Amino acid sequence: MFGTKSPHGYQDILKGIKIKSVSYGKSMIMTEFLLSKDSELPEHQHVNEQTGYLVKGKIKLHIDGKSKEINPGDSWNIASNIKHKAEILEDSIAIEVFNPVREDYFKYLFNEDIIE
């Protein structure tokens, strides 16, 4: 399967944080995040394992009680059910993959509840 640009563009999920679809399958979804300076992704956890790559900007990730400034070219992996949050230090772009698929993102990415 080939991914195509989302016809819905970026969708707001939190103040200063937008996402759009890049590609998805039955067991994973890839998203692009557009992150505005001084925004925050509050601490949370979910069953999905996630891995990410910072394309542009600078963020500070807090994963399971450890913190690190992330620069372009850096990557991360967050295991299932691990608490994490992010501080956006500069306007940034990140790519993240979630497994299993984050079905809660479908309403933002595809204006649908479930992708078959």
Protein backbone atom coordinates (compact mmCIF):
# COMPACT_ATOMS: atom_id res chain seq x y z
CA MET A 1 0.00 0.00 0.00
CA PHE A 2 1.21 3.50 -0.80
CA GLY A 3 0.41 6.44 1.45
CA THR A 4 -0.85 9.67 -0.05
CA LYS A 5 -1.07 13.12 1.40
CA SER A 6 -4.05 13.47 3.72
CA PRO A 7 -6.84 15.44 2.05
CA HIS A 8 -7.69 16.83 5.50
CA GLY A 9 -4.27 18.46 6.10
CA TYR A 10 -3.19 19.18 9.66
CA GLN A 11 -5.77 18.74 12.40
CA ASP A 12 -5.56 20.42 15.83
CA ILE A 13 -5.37 17.97 18.72
CA LEU A 14 -4.14 20.36 21.44
CA LYS A 15 -3.23 24.03 21.52
CA GLY A 16 -0.07 24.39 19.41
CA ILE A 17 -0.06 20.69 18.39
CA LYS A 18 -1.36 19.49 15.02
CA ILE A 19 -1.18 16.11 13.29
CA LYS A 20 -1.81 14.67 9.86
CA SER A 21 -1.73 11.15 8.51
CA VAL A 22 1.26 9.88 6.60
CA SER A 23 0.36 6.21 6.24
CA TYR A 24 -1.43 3.45 8.12
CA GLY A 25 -1.97 -0.28 8.07
CA LYS A 26 -3.77 -2.87 10.16
CA SER A 27 -1.23 -2.77 13.01
CA MET A 28 0.40 0.68 12.89
CA ILE A 29 -0.13 4.31 11.97
CA MET A 30 2.45 6.96 11.02
CA THR A 31 1.69 10.60 11.78
CA GLU A 32 3.42 13.92 11.23
CA PHE A 33 3.26 16.38 14.12
CA LEU A 34 3.52 20.13 13.67
CA LEU A 35 4.51 21.52 17.08
CA SER A 36 4.51 25.23 17.98
CA LYS A 37 7.14 26.75 20.27
CA ASP A 38 6.10 26.91 23.94
CA SER A 39 3.30 24.35 23.55
CA GLU A 40 3.18 21.23 25.72
CA LEU A 41 2.01 17.69 25.33
CA PRO A 42 0.76 16.85 28.85
CA GLU A 43 1.91 13.72 30.63
CA HIS A 44 -0.03 10.69 29.48
CA GLN A 45 0.31 7.01 28.68
CA HIS A 46 -1.38 4.60 26.30
CA VAL A 47 -1.20 0.97 25.24
CA ASN A 48 0.47 1.93 21.96
CA GLU A 49 4.22 1.59 21.57
CA GLN A 50 5.52 4.63 19.72
CA THR A 51 8.71 5.55 18.00
CA GLY A 52 9.56 8.97 16.66
CA TYR A 53 12.06 11.08 14.72
CA LEU A 54 12.55 14.84 14.97
CA VAL A 55 12.77 16.40 11.51
CA LYS A 56 13.05 20.06 12.57
CA GLY A 57 13.21 22.16 15.73
CA LYS A 58 13.91 21.21 19.34
CA ILE A 59 11.79 19.51 21.98
CA LYS A 60 12.35 18.22 25.49
CA LEU A 61 10.97 14.73 26.03
CA HIS A 62 10.22 13.29 29.44
CA ILE A 63 9.89 9.49 29.31
CA ASP A 64 9.43 7.36 32.42
CA GLY A 65 11.02 9.97 34.70
CA LYS A 66 14.00 10.70 32.40
CA SER A 67 14.37 13.87 30.31
CA LYS A 68 16.36 14.70 27.18
CA GLU A 69 16.53 17.57 24.71
CA ILE A 70 15.85 16.21 21.25
CA ASN A 71 17.38 17.83 18.16
CA PRO A 72 16.82 17.23 14.43
CA GLY A 73 17.94 13.72 13.52
CA ASP A 74 17.36 12.35 17.03
CA SER A 75 14.82 9.59 17.63
CA TRP A 76 13.02 7.91 20.53
CA ASN A 77 10.97 4.88 21.45
CA ILE A 78 8.32 4.76 24.14
CA ALA A 79 7.12 1.35 25.30
CA SER A 80 3.48 0.55 25.94
CA ASN A 81 1.93 2.13 29.07
CA ILE A 82 4.96 4.32 29.91
CA LYS A 83 4.22 7.86 31.12
CA HIS A 84 5.64 10.58 28.89
CA LYS A 85 5.25 14.26 27.99
CA ALA A 86 6.93 16.86 25.78
CA GLU A 87 7.86 20.51 25.97
CA ILE A 88 8.20 22.24 22.61
CA LEU A 89 11.30 24.47 22.75
CA GLU A 90 11.23 25.61 19.09
CA ASP A 91 8.73 25.28 16.26
CA SER A 92 9.19 21.60 15.37
CA ILE A 93 8.18 18.80 13.04
CA ALA A 94 8.19 15.18 14.26
CA ILE A 95 7.23 11.89 12.65
CA GLU A 96 5.82 9.17 14.91
CA VAL A 97 4.68 5.60 14.39
CA PHE A 98 2.22 3.93 16.77
CA ASN A 99 1.59 0.20 17.17
CA PRO A 100 -1.14 -0.91 17.46
CA VAL A 101 -2.98 1.69 15.40
CA ARG A 102 -4.17 4.64 17.50
CA GLU A 103 -7.82 4.44 16.58
CA ASP A 104 -8.47 7.57 18.66
CA TYR A 105 -6.49 9.52 16.01
CA PHE A 106 -8.83 8.51 13.18
CA LYS A 107 -11.31 11.28 14.02
CA TYR A 108 -8.51 13.85 13.62
CA LEU A 109 -6.80 12.28 10.64
CA PHE A 110 -9.52 10.85 8.48
CA ASN A 111 -12.81 12.23 9.84
CA GLU A 112 -13.76 8.62 10.54
CA ASP A 113 -13.94 6.43 13.62
CA ILE A 114 -12.51 3.22 12.14
CA ILE A 115 -10.43 2.46 9.06
CA GLU A 116 -11.08 -0.94 7.50
